[in-house]
Protein backbone atom coordinates (compact mmCIF):
# COMPACT_ATOMS: atom_id res chain seq x y z
CA MET A 1 35.52 26.84 -42.51
CA LEU A 2 35.49 23.10 -42.01
CA LEU A 3 34.77 20.22 -44.35
CA ASN A 4 31.72 18.02 -43.82
CA VAL A 5 30.20 20.26 -41.14
CA PRO A 6 26.76 21.73 -41.85
CA LYS A 7 27.16 25.45 -42.48
CA LEU A 8 24.21 26.36 -40.31
CA LEU A 9 26.08 25.18 -37.19
CA SER A 10 27.54 28.41 -35.84
CA PRO A 11 31.02 28.37 -34.32
CA GLU A 12 29.43 28.77 -30.87
CA LEU A 13 27.02 25.87 -31.40
CA LEU A 14 29.74 23.68 -32.89
CA ALA A 15 31.99 24.39 -29.88
CA THR A 16 29.10 23.61 -27.53
CA LEU A 17 28.41 20.27 -29.20
CA CYS A 18 32.10 19.46 -28.95
CA GLU A 19 32.24 20.41 -25.25
CA MET A 20 29.25 18.26 -24.37
CA GLY A 21 30.00 14.89 -22.86
CA HIS A 22 28.16 11.58 -22.94
CA SER A 23 24.61 11.98 -21.59
CA ASP A 24 24.68 15.78 -21.70
CA VAL A 25 21.49 17.24 -23.14
CA ILE A 26 20.88 19.96 -25.70
CA VAL A 27 17.44 21.48 -26.22
CA LEU A 28 16.31 22.89 -29.56
CA GLY A 29 13.47 25.19 -28.59
CA ASP A 30 10.98 26.53 -31.07
CA ALA A 31 10.48 30.28 -31.54
CA ASN A 32 7.87 30.36 -28.73
CA PHE A 33 9.96 28.40 -26.22
CA PRO A 34 11.04 30.45 -23.17
CA GLY A 35 14.64 29.39 -23.69
CA LYS A 36 16.45 32.45 -22.33
CA ARG A 37 14.50 32.34 -19.07
CA PHE A 38 14.96 28.61 -18.59
CA ALA A 39 18.68 28.86 -19.37
CA HIS A 40 18.98 31.62 -16.79
CA GLU A 41 16.98 29.68 -14.19
CA GLY A 42 18.99 26.51 -14.81
CA ASN A 43 22.35 28.23 -15.24
CA CYS A 44 22.88 26.53 -18.59
CA LYS A 45 24.25 27.87 -21.85
CA PHE A 46 21.87 29.74 -24.15
CA LEU A 47 22.41 30.19 -27.90
CA ARG A 48 20.27 31.64 -30.66
CA ALA A 49 19.69 30.13 -34.09
CA ASP A 50 17.37 32.76 -35.52
CA GLY A 51 15.91 31.96 -38.91
CA ILE A 52 16.86 28.28 -38.71
CA SER A 53 14.09 25.70 -38.65
CA GLY A 54 13.93 23.02 -36.00
CA THR A 55 14.11 20.31 -38.66
CA ASP A 56 17.22 21.75 -40.30
CA LEU A 57 18.95 22.24 -36.97
CA LEU A 58 18.04 18.76 -35.71
CA GLU A 59 19.44 17.28 -38.95
CA ALA A 60 22.65 19.27 -38.56
CA VAL A 61 23.11 18.44 -34.87
CA LEU A 62 22.54 14.71 -35.39
CA SER A 63 25.04 14.73 -38.26
CA VAL A 64 27.84 15.60 -35.81
CA ILE A 65 26.77 13.94 -32.53
CA PRO A 66 25.09 10.59 -31.87
CA ALA A 67 21.99 10.16 -29.75
CA ASP A 68 22.72 8.24 -26.56
CA ALA A 69 22.62 4.49 -27.23
CA TYR A 70 22.33 3.81 -23.48
CA ALA A 71 19.06 5.75 -23.15
CA GLU A 72 15.81 4.16 -24.30
CA THR A 73 14.56 7.41 -25.83
CA PRO A 74 17.47 9.85 -26.12
CA VAL A 75 15.38 12.25 -28.18
CA GLN A 76 12.42 13.76 -26.35
CA LEU A 77 9.61 15.87 -27.76
CA MET A 78 7.21 18.04 -25.79
CA GLN A 79 3.83 16.32 -25.44
CA THR A 80 0.71 18.35 -26.17
CA MET A 81 -1.42 19.69 -23.34
CA ASP A 82 -4.83 18.05 -22.84
CA CYS A 83 -6.51 21.08 -24.40
CA ASP A 84 -4.43 20.50 -27.56
CA ARG A 85 -4.61 16.70 -27.68
CA ASP A 86 -6.66 16.71 -30.91
CA LEU A 87 -4.21 18.95 -32.78
CA GLU A 88 -2.16 17.52 -35.61
CA ILE A 89 1.54 18.14 -34.99
CA PRO A 90 3.14 17.28 -38.36
CA ILE A 91 6.63 18.34 -37.32
CA TRP A 92 6.81 15.33 -34.97
CA LYS A 93 6.81 12.99 -37.99
CA GLU A 94 9.56 15.08 -39.56
CA TYR A 95 11.61 14.88 -36.36
CA GLU A 96 11.08 11.11 -36.16
CA ALA A 97 12.25 10.71 -39.77
CA ILE A 98 15.37 12.78 -39.09
CA VAL A 99 16.19 10.74 -35.99
CA ALA A 100 15.63 7.52 -37.97
CA ARG A 101 18.23 8.64 -40.54
CA HIS A 102 20.82 8.97 -37.77
CA ASP A 103 19.88 6.27 -35.24
CA ALA A 104 19.46 2.56 -35.95
CA ARG A 105 16.48 2.42 -33.56
CA GLY A 106 14.55 4.69 -35.85
CA ALA A 107 11.49 6.43 -34.39
CA ARG A 108 11.76 4.18 -31.31
CA ALA A 109 14.58 6.49 -30.16
CA VAL A 110 12.01 9.29 -29.80
CA GLY A 111 9.91 9.74 -26.67
CA PHE A 112 7.64 12.38 -25.20
CA LEU A 113 7.71 14.43 -22.02
CA GLU A 114 4.74 16.24 -20.54
CA ARG A 115 5.07 20.00 -21.11
CA PHE A 116 6.09 20.99 -17.58
CA ALA A 117 8.39 17.97 -17.19
CA PHE A 118 10.04 19.07 -20.45
CA TYR A 119 10.50 22.57 -19.01
CA GLU A 120 12.15 21.20 -15.86
CA ALA A 121 14.41 18.91 -17.87
CA ALA A 122 15.36 21.83 -20.16
CA LYS A 123 16.56 23.83 -17.14
CA LYS A 124 18.98 20.97 -16.37
CA SER A 125 20.33 20.76 -19.91
CA TYR A 126 23.84 21.67 -21.01
CA CYS A 127 22.50 24.14 -23.57
CA ILE A 128 19.25 25.56 -24.87
CA VAL A 129 19.21 26.75 -28.48
CA GLN A 130 16.39 29.08 -29.52
CA THR A 131 15.54 28.26 -33.14
CA GLY A 132 13.41 30.18 -35.59
CA GLU A 133 10.93 27.27 -35.82
CA THR A 134 7.33 28.53 -35.81
CA ALA A 135 5.51 25.18 -35.70
CA ILE A 136 3.81 24.53 -32.37
CA TYR A 137 5.11 21.84 -30.01
CA ALA A 138 8.34 21.82 -32.04
CA ASN A 139 10.68 21.56 -29.05
CA VAL A 140 13.18 18.71 -29.04
CA MET A 141 15.71 17.51 -26.49
CA ILE A 142 18.71 15.37 -27.50
CA GLN A 143 20.84 13.37 -25.08
CA LYS A 144 24.35 13.03 -26.52
CA GLY A 145 25.86 9.59 -26.90
CA VAL A 146 29.40 8.25 -26.98
CA ILE A 147 31.57 9.09 -29.97
CA LYS A 148 33.27 5.85 -30.99
């Protein structure tokens, strides 16, 4: 047990966040995200966070690592496909609010990647975490910043 560390960060995830260096990327994939396959294809670490929502995990991760101050949008969300462009994606607002609590840039620190560009970037990440989040388009990528 540790003080001031969110309890939903498993020892493996906590160690991974600690191992990551400046500009390394961690992906929090929703329950539908093909995380295991992409981790295998990209030879990156794969962890599971079953039963944990994307919002709770994003909050926990950003409480122990900063988003990269040198990147314009260090937090990236997966953009909807054209066929889904009219869908409401309420979790995006929740993600933006969480990022704003942890980054002085607020929602401006959040950007979007086209679905297949997100997939390719995920394969190059340090780690992909499969969450239990069931909301659609609830995938988020965080580029780690410098701990000062």
